[in-house]
Amino acid sequence: MAKWLDAKVVNKTEWNDHLFSLRLSCLNFPTFKAGQFTKVGIEQEDGKMLSRPYSLVNSPTDNELEIIAVPVEDGLLSPKLHNLNVGDELKVMAPATGFLVLDEVPKSRDLWLIA
């Protein structure tokens, strides 16, 4: 069953004016597979969780989680995430989910990956 876990920002990188990443410490986050995602959220004053899905861009063997985001000007969550600093707290949903993983690629002779 999915549940919210406490997380803390341990590093923030501003890649440019329109791209940033947050590295998060989240104790007891379960093992995940490369290609999966999770929800990241900030609890509002009314107790509701404002959240969106974000891909995990770190290795599953890392002790911390990392997401990359674009601060959408009129977005509800991304500007709040962009304003976070090292030490600020937020929530991460566990476990990670998603089927964009190698286990889901059908066995075949060729695999084309186009970006």
PDB file of N, CA and C in Angstrom:
ATOM      1  N   MET A   1       0.839  -1.185   0.000  1.00  0.00           N
ATOM      2  CA  MET A   1       0.000   0.000   0.000  1.00  0.00           C
ATOM      3  C   MET A   1       0.884   1.248   0.000  1.00  0.00           C
ATOM      4  N   ALA A   2       0.516   2.201  -0.815  1.00  0.00           N
ATOM      5  CA  ALA A   2       1.297   3.431  -0.918  1.00  0.00           C
ATOM      6  C   ALA A   2       1.112   4.279   0.339  1.00  0.00           C
ATOM      7  N   LYS A   3       2.215   4.932   0.747  1.00  0.00           N
ATOM      8  CA  LYS A   3       2.144   5.817   1.910  1.00  0.00           C
ATOM      9  C   LYS A   3       3.149   6.949   1.750  1.00  0.00           C
ATOM     10  N   TRP A   4       2.865   8.050   2.424  1.00  0.00           N
ATOM     11  CA  TRP A   4       3.744   9.215   2.389  1.00  0.00           C
ATOM     12  C   TRP A   4       4.852   9.039   3.424  1.00  0.00           C
ATOM     13  N   LEU A   5       6.080   9.308   2.988  1.00  0.00           N
ATOM     14  CA  LEU A   5       7.233   9.281   3.876  1.00  0.00           C
ATOM     15  C   LEU A   5       7.812  10.689   3.992  1.00  0.00           C
ATOM     16  N   ASP A   6       8.409  10.980   5.130  1.00  0.00           N
ATOM     17  CA  ASP A   6       9.070  12.266   5.331  1.00  0.00           C
ATOM     18  C   ASP A   6      10.381  12.291   4.561  1.00  0.00           C
ATOM     19  N   ALA A   7      10.672  13.408   3.933  1.00  0.00           N
ATOM     20  CA  ALA A   7      11.925  13.596   3.198  1.00  0.00           C
ATOM     21  C   ALA A   7      12.467  14.981   3.497  1.00  0.00           C
ATOM     22  N   LYS A   8      13.757  15.136   3.254  1.00  0.00           N
ATOM     23  CA  LYS A   8      14.414  16.417   3.495  1.00  0.00           C
ATOM     24  C   LYS A   8      15.347  16.713   2.321  1.00  0.00           C
ATOM     25  N   VAL A   9      15.375  17.965   1.889  1.00  0.00           N
ATOM     26  CA  VAL A   9      16.269  18.385   0.809  1.00  0.00           C
ATOM     27  C   VAL A   9      17.701  18.410   1.347  1.00  0.00           C
ATOM     28  N   VAL A  10      18.590  17.652   0.681  1.00  0.00           N
ATOM     29  CA  VAL A  10      20.000  17.644   1.088  1.00  0.00           C
ATOM     30  C   VAL A  10      20.890  18.348   0.065  1.00  0.00           C
ATOM     31  N   ASN A  11      20.342  18.582  -1.137  1.00  0.00           N
ATOM     32  CA  ASN A  11      21.103  19.321  -2.147  1.00  0.00           C
ATOM     33  C   ASN A  11      20.121  19.860  -3.186  1.00  0.00           C
ATOM     34  N   LYS A  12      20.425  21.039  -3.673  1.00  0.00           N
ATOM     35  CA  LYS A  12      19.633  21.659  -4.738  1.00  0.00           C
ATOM     36  C   LYS A  12      20.600  22.169  -5.787  1.00  0.00           C
ATOM     37  N   THR A  13      20.337  21.817  -7.042  1.00  0.00           N
ATOM     38  CA  THR A  13      21.183  22.272  -8.141  1.00  0.00           C
ATOM     39  C   THR A  13      20.333  23.043  -9.133  1.00  0.00           C
ATOM     40  N   GLU A  14      20.740  24.264  -9.414  1.00  0.00           N
ATOM     41  CA  GLU A  14      20.095  25.093 -10.441  1.00  0.00           C
ATOM     42  C   GLU A  14      20.886  24.869 -11.727  1.00  0.00           C
ATOM     43  N   TRP A  15      20.352  24.064 -12.630  1.00  0.00           N
ATOM     44  CA  TRP A  15      21.078  23.765 -13.867  1.00  0.00           C
ATOM     45  C   TRP A  15      21.051  24.958 -14.811  1.00  0.00           C
ATOM     46  N   ASN A  16      19.938  25.663 -14.863  1.00  0.00           N
ATOM     47  CA  ASN A  16      19.804  26.914 -15.609  1.00  0.00           C
ATOM     48  C   ASN A  16      18.540  27.602 -15.080  1.00  0.00           C
ATOM     49  N   ASP A  17      18.072  28.638 -15.754  1.00  0.00           N
ATOM     50  CA  ASP A  17      16.892  29.371 -15.276  1.00  0.00           C
ATOM     51  C   ASP A  17      15.617  28.539 -15.298  1.00  0.00           C
ATOM     52  N   HIS A  18      15.625  27.439 -16.049  1.00  0.00           N
ATOM     53  CA  HIS A  18      14.402  26.683 -16.254  1.00  0.00           C
ATOM     54  C   HIS A  18      14.530  25.204 -15.883  1.00  0.00           C
ATOM     55  N   LEU A  19      15.548  24.851 -15.121  1.00  0.00           N
ATOM     56  CA  LEU A  19      15.743  23.451 -14.765  1.00  0.00           C
ATOM     57  C   LEU A  19      16.498  23.358 -13.447  1.00  0.00           C
ATOM     58  N   PHE A  20      15.974  22.567 -12.529  1.00  0.00           N
ATOM     59  CA  PHE A  20      16.639  22.375 -11.248  1.00  0.00           C
ATOM     60  C   PHE A  20      16.464  20.931 -10.795  1.00  0.00           C
ATOM     61  N   SER A  21      17.302  20.517  -9.883  1.00  0.00           N
ATOM     62  CA  SER A  21      17.140  19.188  -9.305  1.00  0.00           C
ATOM     63  C   SER A  21      17.202  19.291  -7.791  1.00  0.00           C
ATOM     64  N   LEU A  22      16.494  18.371  -7.151  1.00  0.00           N
ATOM     65  CA  LEU A  22      16.503  18.255  -5.705  1.00  0.00           C
ATOM     66  C   LEU A  22      16.982  16.861  -5.335  1.00  0.00           C
ATOM     67  N   ARG A  23      17.928  16.803  -4.439  1.00  0.00           N
ATOM     68  CA  ARG A  23      18.399  15.531  -3.891  1.00  0.00           C
ATOM     69  C   ARG A  23      17.788  15.429  -2.498  1.00  0.00           C
ATOM     70  N   LEU A  24      17.152  14.295  -2.217  1.00  0.00           N
ATOM     71  CA  LEU A  24      16.363  14.136  -1.012  1.00  0.00           C
ATOM     72  C   LEU A  24      16.848  12.980  -0.155  1.00  0.00           C
ATOM     73  N   SER A  25      16.843  13.199   1.127  1.00  0.00           N
ATOM     74  CA  SER A  25      17.068  12.130   2.091  1.00  0.00           C
ATOM     75  C   SER A  25      15.696  11.641   2.517  1.00  0.00           C
ATOM     76  N   CYS A  26      15.457  10.340   2.366  1.00  0.00           N
ATOM     77  CA  CYS A  26      14.167   9.763   2.731  1.00  0.00           C
ATOM     78  C   CYS A  26      14.425   8.395   3.333  1.00  0.00           C
ATOM     79  N   LEU A  27      14.482   8.352   4.649  1.00  0.00           N
ATOM     80  CA  LEU A  27      14.750   7.097   5.336  1.00  0.00           C
ATOM     81  C   LEU A  27      13.666   6.071   5.022  1.00  0.00           C
ATOM     82  N   ASN A  28      14.086   4.840   4.904  1.00  0.00           N
ATOM     83  CA  ASN A  28      13.177   3.709   4.689  1.00  0.00           C
ATOM     84  C   ASN A  28      12.450   3.726   3.352  1.00  0.00           C
ATOM     85  N   PHE A  29      12.963   4.493   2.360  1.00  0.00           N
ATOM     86  CA  PHE A  29      12.351   4.422   1.033  1.00  0.00           C
ATOM     87  C   PHE A  29      12.693   3.059   0.444  1.00  0.00           C
ATOM     88  N   PRO A  30      11.689   2.298   0.010  1.00  0.00           N
ATOM     89  CA  PRO A  30      11.962   0.942  -0.472  1.00  0.00           C
ATOM     90  C   PRO A  30      12.755   0.920  -1.776  1.00  0.00           C
ATOM     91  N   THR A  31      13.394  -0.190  -2.026  1.00  0.00           N
ATOM     92  CA  THR A  31      14.156  -0.398  -3.250  1.00  0.00           C
ATOM     93  C   THR A  31      13.246  -0.180  -4.458  1.00  0.00           C
ATOM     94  N   PHE A  32      13.802   0.433  -5.494  1.00  0.00           N
ATOM     95  CA  PHE A  32      13.050   0.662  -6.719  1.00  0.00           C
ATOM     96  C   PHE A  32      13.910   0.275  -7.907  1.00  0.00           C
ATOM     97  N   LYS A  33      13.294   0.231  -9.082  1.00  0.00           N
ATOM     98  CA  LYS A  33      14.001  -0.094 -10.319  1.00  0.00           C
ATOM     99  C   LYS A  33      14.226   1.180 -11.118  1.00  0.00           C
ATOM    100  N   ALA A  34      15.352   1.231 -11.808  1.00  0.00           N
ATOM    101  CA  ALA A  34      15.623   2.365 -12.692  1.00  0.00           C
ATOM    102  C   ALA A  34      14.482   2.487 -13.694  1.00  0.00           C
ATOM    103  N   GLY A  35      13.953   3.705 -13.851  1.00  0.00           N
ATOM    104  CA  GLY A  35      12.837   3.953 -14.752  1.00  0.00           C
ATOM    105  C   GLY A  35      11.523   4.169 -14.023  1.00  0.00           C
ATOM    106  N   GLN A  36      11.498   3.941 -12.721  1.00  0.00           N
ATOM    107  CA  GLN A  36      10.263   4.147 -11.970  1.00  0.00           C
ATOM    108  C   GLN A  36      10.162   5.594 -11.487  1.00  0.00           C
ATOM    109  N   PHE A  37       8.974   5.951 -11.010  1.00  0.00           N
ATOM    110  CA  PHE A  37       8.728   7.301 -10.518  1.00  0.00           C
ATOM    111  C   PHE A  37       8.020   7.235  -9.178  1.00  0.00           C
ATOM    112  N   THR A  38       7.915   8.385  -8.545  1.00  0.00           N
ATOM    113  CA  THR A  38       7.182   8.502  -7.291  1.00  0.00           C
ATOM    114  C   THR A  38       6.465   9.835  -7.273  1.00  0.00           C
ATOM    115  N   LYS A  39       5.603  10.021  -6.314  1.00  0.00           N
ATOM    116  CA  LYS A  39       4.978  11.327  -6.125  1.00  0.00           C
ATOM    117  C   LYS A  39       5.758  12.090  -5.073  1.00  0.00           C
ATOM    118  N   VAL A  40       5.924  13.376  -5.324  1.00  0.00           N
ATOM    119  CA  VAL A  40       6.571  14.290  -4.378  1.00  0.00           C
ATOM    120  C   VAL A  40       5.509  15.309  -3.992  1.00  0.00           C
ATOM    121  N   GLY A  41       5.423  15.610  -2.708  1.00  0.00           N
ATOM    122  CA  GLY A  41       4.364  16.505  -2.282  1.00  0.00           C
ATOM    123  C   GLY A  41       4.754  17.426  -1.146  1.00  0.00           C
ATOM    124  N   ILE A  42       3.968  18.467  -1.010  1.00  0.00           N
ATOM    125  CA  ILE A  42       4.102  19.418   0.088  1.00  0.00           C
ATOM    126  C   ILE A  42       2.731  19.506   0.752  1.00  0.00           C
ATOM    127  N   GLU A  43       2.724  19.308   2.061  1.00  0.00           N
ATOM    128  CA  GLU A  43       1.467  19.380   2.795  1.00  0.00           C
ATOM    129  C   GLU A  43       1.047  20.839   2.930  1.00  0.00           C
ATOM    130  N   GLN A  44      -0.221  21.105   2.611  1.00  0.00           N
ATOM    131  CA  GLN A  44      -0.761  22.457   2.663  1.00  0.00           C
ATOM    132  C   GLN A  44      -1.280  22.779   4.063  1.00  0.00           C
ATOM    133  N   GLU A  45      -1.544  24.040   4.314  1.00  0.00           N
ATOM    134  CA  GLU A  45      -2.040  24.466   5.624  1.00  0.00           C
ATOM    135  C   GLU A  45      -3.353  23.785   5.995  1.00  0.00           C
ATOM    136  N   ASP A  46      -4.173  23.427   4.988  1.00  0.00           N
ATOM    137  CA  ASP A  46      -5.451  22.773   5.271  1.00  0.00           C
ATOM    138  C   ASP A  46      -5.300  21.263   5.469  1.00  0.00           C
ATOM    139  N   GLY A  47      -4.050  20.780   5.444  1.00  0.00           N
ATOM    140  CA  GLY A  47      -3.784  19.358   5.653  1.00  0.00           C
ATOM    141  C   GLY A  47      -3.794  18.533   4.384  1.00  0.00           C
ATOM    142  N   LYS A  48      -4.215  19.118   3.258  1.00  0.00           N
ATOM    143  CA  LYS A  48      -4.225  18.394   1.987  1.00  0.00           C
ATOM    144  C   LYS A  48      -2.817  18.352   1.413  1.00  0.00           C
ATOM    145  N   MET A  49      -2.552  17.286   0.655  1.00  0.00           N
ATOM    146  CA  MET A  49      -1.240  17.107   0.042  1.00  0.00           C
ATOM    147  C   MET A  49      -1.286  17.586  -1.405  1.00  0.00           C
ATOM    148  N   LEU A  50      -0.415  18.528  -1.739  1.00  0.00           N
ATOM    149  CA  LEU A  50      -0.242  18.995  -3.109  1.00  0.00           C
ATOM    150  C   LEU A  50       0.905  18.180  -3.675  1.00  0.00           C
ATOM    151  N   SER A  51       0.629  17.333  -4.662  1.00  0.00           N
ATOM    152  CA  SER A  51       1.673  16.427  -5.148  1.00  0.00           C
ATOM    153  C   SER A  51       1.597  16.247  -6.655  1.00  0.00           C
ATOM    154  N   ARG A  52       2.714  15.833  -7.214  1.00  0.00           N
ATOM    155  CA  ARG A  52       2.833  15.505  -8.634  1.00  0.00           C
ATOM    156  C   ARG A  52       3.833  14.355  -8.763  1.00  0.00           C
ATOM    157  N   PRO A  53       3.713  13.555  -9.849  1.00  0.00           N
ATOM    158  CA  PRO A  53       4.686  12.476 -10.073  1.00  0.00           C
ATOM    159  C   PRO A  53       5.980  13.025 -10.668  1.00  0.00           C
ATOM    160  N   TYR A  54       7.095  12.469 -10.204  1.00  0.00           N
ATOM    161  CA  TYR A  54       8.424  12.815 -10.717  1.00  0.00           C
ATOM    162  C   TYR A  54       9.240  11.547 -10.888  1.00  0.00           C
ATOM    163  N   SER A  55       9.947  11.459 -12.003  1.00  0.00           N
ATOM    164  CA  SER A  55      10.845  10.324 -12.211  1.00  0.00           C
ATOM    165  C   SER A  55      12.021  10.421 -11.262  1.00  0.00           C
ATOM    166  N   LEU A  56      12.454   9.266 -10.791  1.00  0.00           N
ATOM    167  CA  LEU A  56      13.663   9.208  -9.962  1.00  0.00           C
ATOM    168  C   LEU A  56      14.844   9.083 -10.903  1.00  0.00           C
ATOM    169  N   VAL A  57      15.770  10.024 -10.840  1.00  0.00           N
ATOM    170  CA  VAL A  57      16.877  10.057 -11.787  1.00  0.00           C
ATOM    171  C   VAL A  57      18.176   9.524 -11.196  1.00  0.00           C
ATOM    172  N   ASN A  58      18.132   9.126  -9.940  1.00  0.00           N
ATOM    173  CA  ASN A  58      19.323   8.573  -9.301  1.00  0.00           C
ATOM    174  C   ASN A  58      19.362   7.063  -9.485  1.00  0.00           C
ATOM    175  N   SER A  59      20.517   6.484  -9.193  1.00  0.00           N
ATOM    176  CA  SER A  59      20.662   5.030  -9.236  1.00  0.00           C
ATOM    177  C   SER A  59      19.873   4.406  -8.091  1.00  0.00           C
ATOM    178  N   PRO A  60      19.251   3.259  -8.324  1.00  0.00           N
ATOM    179  CA  PRO A  60      18.557   2.574  -7.240  1.00  0.00           C
ATOM    180  C   PRO A  60      19.476   2.178  -6.075  1.00  0.00           C
ATOM    181  N   THR A  61      20.782   2.199  -6.290  1.00  0.00           N
ATOM    182  CA  THR A  61      21.711   1.851  -5.206  1.00  0.00           C
ATOM    183  C   THR A  61      22.114   3.056  -4.361  1.00  0.00           C
ATOM    184  N   ASP A  62      21.706   4.271  -4.772  1.00  0.00           N
ATOM    185  CA  ASP A  62      22.018   5.472  -3.987  1.00  0.00           C
ATOM    186  C   ASP A  62      21.248   5.468  -2.668  1.00  0.00           C
ATOM    187  N   ASN A  63      21.798   6.140  -1.679  1.00  0.00           N
ATOM    188  CA  ASN A  63      21.117   6.285  -0.393  1.00  0.00           C
ATOM    189  C   ASN A  63      20.138   7.453  -0.389  1.00  0.00           C
ATOM    190  N   GLU A  64      20.160   8.273  -1.432  1.00  0.00           N
ATOM    191  CA  GLU A  64      19.283   9.433  -1.534  1.00  0.00           C
ATOM    192  C   GLU A  64      18.495   9.358  -2.829  1.00  0.00           C
ATOM    193  N   LEU A  65      17.412  10.116  -2.902  1.00  0.00           N
ATOM    194  CA  LEU A  65      16.578  10.191  -4.098  1.00  0.00           C
ATOM    195  C   LEU A  65      16.856  11.514  -4.797  1.00  0.00           C
ATOM    196  N   GLU A  66      16.693  11.529  -6.111  1.00  0.00           N
ATOM    197  CA  GLU A  66      16.881  12.777  -6.848  1.00  0.00           C
ATOM    198  C   GLU A  66      15.812  12.910  -7.920  1.00  0.00           C
ATOM    199  N   ILE A  67      15.266  14.115  -8.033  1.00  0.00           N
ATOM    200  CA  ILE A  67      14.317  14.449  -9.086  1.00  0.00           C
ATOM    201  C   ILE A  67      14.822  15.672  -9.832  1.00  0.00           C
ATOM    202  N   ILE A  68      14.409  15.797 -11.074  1.00  0.00           N
ATOM    203  CA  ILE A  68      14.696  16.988 -11.878  1.00  0.00           C
ATOM    204  C   ILE A  68      13.353  17.606 -12.236  1.00  0.00           C
ATOM    205  N   ALA A  69      13.255  18.920 -12.157  1.00  0.00           N
ATOM    206  CA  ALA A  69      11.981  19.588 -12.413  1.00  0.00           C
ATOM    207  C   ALA A  69      12.180  20.904 -13.148  1.00  0.00           C
ATOM    208  N   VAL A  70      11.110  21.330 -13.777  1.00  0.00           N
ATOM    209  CA  VAL A  70      11.036  22.622 -14.448  1.00  0.00           C
ATOM    210  C   VAL A  70      10.049  23.469 -13.648  1.00  0.00           C
ATOM    211  N   PRO A  71      10.450  24.659 -13.202  1.00  0.00           N
ATOM    212  CA  PRO A  71       9.501  25.499 -12.465  1.00  0.00           C
ATOM    213  C   PRO A  71       8.478  26.135 -13.409  1.00  0.00           C
ATOM    214  N   VAL A  72       7.298  25.543 -13.484  1.00  0.00           N
ATOM    215  CA  VAL A  72       6.231  26.057 -14.343  1.00  0.00           C
ATOM    216  C   VAL A  72       5.699  27.341 -13.717  1.00  0.00           C
ATOM    217  N   GLU A  73       5.697  28.411 -14.479  1.00  0.00           N
ATOM    218  CA  GLU A  73       5.380  29.738 -13.946  1.00  0.00           C
ATOM    219  C   GLU A  73       4.073  29.782 -13.157  1.00  0.00           C
ATOM    220  N   ASP A  74       3.016  29.233 -13.701  1.00  0.00           N
ATOM    221  CA  ASP A  74       1.715  29.251 -13.022  1.00  0.00           C
ATOM    222  C   ASP A  74       1.386  27.901 -12.382  1.00  0.00           C
ATOM    223  N   GLY A  75       2.402  27.056 -12.231  1.00  0.00           N
ATOM    224  CA  GLY A  75       2.175  25.734 -11.655  1.00  0.00           C
ATOM    225  C   GLY A  75       1.836  25.815 -10.175  1.00  0.00           C
ATOM    226  N   LEU A  76       1.151  24.809  -9.691  1.00  0.00           N
ATOM    227  CA  LEU A  76       0.789  24.778  -8.281  1.00  0.00           C
ATOM    228  C   LEU A  76       1.924  24.259  -7.406  1.00  0.00           C
ATOM    229  N   LEU A  77       2.645  23.236  -7.886  1.00  0.00           N
ATOM    230  CA  LEU A  77       3.681  22.617  -7.057  1.00  0.00           C
ATOM    231  C   LEU A  77       5.101  22.999  -7.450  1.00  0.00           C
ATOM    232  N   SER A  78       5.420  22.998  -8.732  1.00  0.00           N
ATOM    233  CA  SER A  78       6.824  23.186  -9.132  1.00  0.00           C
ATOM    234  C   SER A  78       7.440  24.493  -8.625  1.00  0.00           C
ATOM    235  N   PRO A  79       6.724  25.630  -8.575  1.00  0.00           N
ATOM    236  CA  PRO A  79       7.344  26.828  -8.002  1.00  0.00           C
ATOM    237  C   PRO A  79       7.658  26.653  -6.512  1.00  0.00           C
ATOM    238  N   LYS A  80       6.801  25.925  -5.796  1.00  0.00           N
ATOM    239  CA  LYS A  80       7.054  25.673  -4.370  1.00  0.00           C
ATOM    240  C   LYS A  80       8.280  24.778  -4.199  1.00  0.00           C
ATOM    241  N   LEU A  81       8.409  23.763  -5.056  1.00  0.00           N
ATOM    242  CA  LEU A  81       9.592  22.908  -4.999  1.00  0.00           C
ATOM    243  C   LEU A  81      10.846  23.718  -5.330  1.00  0.00           C
ATOM    244  N   HIS A  82      10.713  24.605  -6.315  1.00  0.00           N
ATOM    245  CA  HIS A  82      11.850  25.417  -6.735  1.00  0.00           C
ATOM    246  C   HIS A  82      12.322  26.348  -5.617  1.00  0.00           C
ATOM    247  N   ASN A  83      11.410  26.743  -4.740  1.00  0.00           N
ATOM    248  CA  ASN A  83      11.756  27.635  -3.630  1.00  0.00           C
ATOM    249  C   ASN A  83      12.315  26.907  -2.414  1.00  0.00           C
ATOM    250  N   LEU A  84      12.317  25.571  -2.444  1.00  0.00           N
ATOM    251  CA  LEU A  84      12.876  24.824  -1.316  1.00  0.00           C
ATOM    252  C   LEU A  84      14.387  24.990  -1.267  1.00  0.00           C
ATOM    253  N   ASN A  85      14.940  24.866  -0.066  1.00  0.00           N
ATOM    254  CA  ASN A  85      16.378  24.941   0.140  1.00  0.00           C
ATOM    255  C   ASN A  85      16.833  23.753   0.969  1.00  0.00           C
ATOM    256  N   VAL A  86      18.137  23.564   1.051  1.00  0.00           N
ATOM    257  CA  VAL A  86      18.699  22.476   1.841  1.00  0.00           C
ATOM    258  C   VAL A  86      18.143  22.561   3.265  1.00  0.00           C
ATOM    259  N   GLY A  87      17.665  21.427   3.762  1.00  0.00           N
ATOM    260  CA  GLY A  87      17.092  21.354   5.098  1.00  0.00           C
ATOM    261  C   GLY A  87      15.579  21.423   5.126  1.00  0.00           C
ATOM    262  N   ASP A  88      14.959  21.913   4.042  1.00  0.00           N
ATOM    263  CA  ASP A  88      13.498  21.982   3.996  1.00  0.00           C
ATOM    264  C   ASP A  88      12.907  20.583   3.867  1.00  0.00           C
ATOM    265  N   GLU A  89      11.693  20.431   4.409  1.00  0.00           N
ATOM    266  CA  GLU A  89      11.041  19.126   4.426  1.00  0.00           C
ATOM    267  C   GLU A  89       9.898  19.058   3.422  1.00  0.00           C
ATOM    268  N   LEU A  90       9.648  17.857   2.927  1.00  0.00           N
ATOM    269  CA  LEU A  90       8.562  17.577   2.018  1.00  0.00           C
ATOM    270  C   LEU A  90       8.193  16.111   2.170  1.00  0.00           C
ATOM    271  N   LYS A  91       7.320  15.608   1.330  1.00  0.00           N
ATOM    272  CA  LYS A  91       6.863  14.224   1.406  1.00  0.00           C
ATOM    273  C   LYS A  91       7.174  13.498   0.099  1.00  0.00           C
ATOM    274  N   VAL A  92       7.431  12.195   0.224  1.00  0.00           N
ATOM    275  CA  VAL A  92       7.664  11.331  -0.928  1.00  0.00           C
ATOM    276  C   VAL A  92       6.797  10.095  -0.749  1.00  0.00           C
ATOM    277  N   MET A  93       6.108   9.703  -1.814  1.00  0.00           N
ATOM    278  CA  MET A  93       5.243   8.532  -1.725  1.00  0.00           C
ATOM    279  C   MET A  93       6.039   7.259  -2.008  1.00  0.00           C
ATOM    280  N   ALA A  94       5.821   6.264  -1.183  1.00  0.00           N
ATOM    281  CA  ALA A  94       6.474   4.978  -1.355  1.00  0.00           C
ATOM    282  C   ALA A  94       5.407   3.900  -1.468  1.00  0.00           C
ATOM    283  N   PRO A  95       5.656   2.886  -2.256  1.00  0.00           N
ATOM    284  CA  PRO A  95       6.857   2.631  -3.040  1.00  0.00           C
ATOM    285  C   PRO A  95       6.808   3.358  -4.387  1.00  0.00           C
ATOM    286  N   ALA A  96       7.955   3.364  -5.076  1.00  0.00           N
ATOM    287  CA  ALA A  96       7.999   3.890  -6.441  1.00  0.00           C
ATOM    288  C   ALA A  96       7.193   2.949  -7.334  1.00  0.00           C
ATOM    289  N   THR A  97       6.766   3.464  -8.467  1.00  0.00           N
ATOM    290  CA  THR A  97       5.960   2.665  -9.375  1.00  0.00           C
ATOM    291  C   THR A  97       6.333   2.996 -10.809  1.00  0.00           C
ATOM    292  N   GLY A  98       5.721   2.313 -11.745  1.00  0.00           N
ATOM    293  CA  GLY A  98       5.948   2.591 -13.162  1.00  0.00           C
ATOM    294  C   GLY A  98       6.497   1.392 -13.900  1.00  0.00           C
ATOM    295  N   PHE A  99       6.165   1.325 -15.186  1.00  0.00           N
ATOM    296  CA  PHE A  99       6.549   0.177 -15.995  1.00  0.00           C
ATOM    297  C   PHE A  99       7.559   0.518 -17.081  1.00  0.00           C
ATOM    298  N   LEU A 100       8.209   1.675 -16.996  1.00  0.00           N
ATOM    299  CA  LEU A 100       9.236   2.036 -17.966  1.00  0.00           C
ATOM    300  C   LEU A 100      10.577   1.470 -17.479  1.00  0.00           C
ATOM    301  N   VAL A 101      10.588   0.146 -17.323  1.00  0.00           N
ATOM    302  CA  VAL A 101      11.758  -0.564 -16.804  1.00  0.00           C
ATOM    303  C   VAL A 101      12.137  -1.673 -17.772  1.00  0.00           C
ATOM    304  N   LEU A 102      13.382  -2.114 -17.718  1.00  0.00           N
ATOM    305  CA  LEU A 102      13.859  -3.119 -18.673  1.00  0.00           C
ATOM    306  C   LEU A 102      13.092  -4.433 -18.580  1.00  0.00           C
ATOM    307  N   ASP A 103      12.579  -4.777 -17.404  1.00  0.00           N
ATOM    308  CA  ASP A 103      11.806  -6.014 -17.263  1.00  0.00           C
ATOM    309  C   ASP A 103      10.570  -6.031 -18.160  1.00  0.00           C
ATOM    310  N   GLU A 104      10.083  -4.864 -18.539  1.00  0.00           N
ATOM    311  CA  GLU A 104       8.871  -4.760 -19.342  1.00  0.00           C
ATOM    312  C   GLU A 104       9.137  -4.756 -20.850  1.00  0.00           C
ATOM    313  N   VAL A 105      10.404  -4.722 -21.256  1.00  0.00           N
ATOM    314  CA  VAL A 105      10.737  -4.716 -22.680  1.00  0.00           C
ATOM    315  C   VAL A 105      10.606  -6.142 -23.209  1.00  0.00           C
ATOM    316  N   PRO A 106       9.766  -6.351 -24.221  1.00  0.00           N
ATOM    317  CA  PRO A 106       9.618  -7.703 -24.767  1.00  0.00           C
ATOM    318  C   PRO A 106      10.935  -8.218 -25.343  1.00  0.00           C
ATOM    319  N   LYS A 107      11.157  -9.490 -25.213  1.00  0.00           N
ATOM    320  CA  LYS A 107      12.362 -10.110 -25.780  1.00  0.00           C
ATOM    321  C   LYS A 107      12.277 -10.012 -27.300  1.00  0.00           C
ATOM    322  N   SER A 108      13.360  -9.512 -27.906  1.00  0.00           N
ATOM    323  CA  SER A 108      13.409  -9.372 -29.355  1.00  0.00           C
ATOM    324  C   SER A 108      14.856  -9.284 -29.786  1.00  0.00           C
ATOM    325  N   ARG A 109      15.083  -9.344 -31.061  1.00  0.00           N
ATOM    326  CA  ARG A 109      16.427  -9.286 -31.588  1.00  0.00           C
ATOM    327  C   ARG A 109      16.981  -7.871 -31.520  1.00  0.00           C
ATOM    328  N   ASP A 110      16.152  -6.850 -31.807  1.00  0.00           N
ATOM    329  CA  ASP A 110      16.581  -5.458 -31.843  1.00  0.00           C
ATOM    330  C   ASP A 110      15.739  -4.633 -30.893  1.00  0.00           C
ATOM    331  N   LEU A 111      16.383  -3.634 -30.320  1.00  0.00           N
ATOM    332  CA  LEU A 111      15.671  -2.664 -29.480  1.00  0.00           C
ATOM    333  C   LEU A 111      16.121  -1.285 -29.924  1.00  0.00           C
ATOM    334  N   TRP A 112      15.167  -0.498 -30.407  1.00  0.00           N
ATOM    335  CA  TRP A 112      15.464   0.856 -30.869  1.00  0.00           C
ATOM    336  C   TRP A 112      15.037   1.832 -29.788  1.00  0.00           C
ATOM    337  N   LEU A 113      15.946   2.688 -29.358  1.00  0.00           N
ATOM    338  CA  LEU A 113      15.651   3.737 -28.382  1.00  0.00           C
ATOM    339  C   LEU A 113      15.924   5.061 -29.076  1.00  0.00           C
ATOM    340  N   ILE A 114      14.899   5.865 -29.223  1.00  0.00           N
ATOM    341  CA  ILE A 114      15.025   7.137 -29.949  1.00  0.00           C
ATOM    342  C   ILE A 114      14.643   8.260 -29.006  1.00  0.00           C
ATOM    343  N   ALA A 115      15.506   9.274 -28.942  1.00  0.00           N
ATOM    344  CA  ALA A 115      15.210  10.426 -28.087  1.00  0.00           C
ATOM    345  C   ALA A 115      15.285  11.688 -28.900  1.00  0.00           C
TER     346      ALA A 115
END
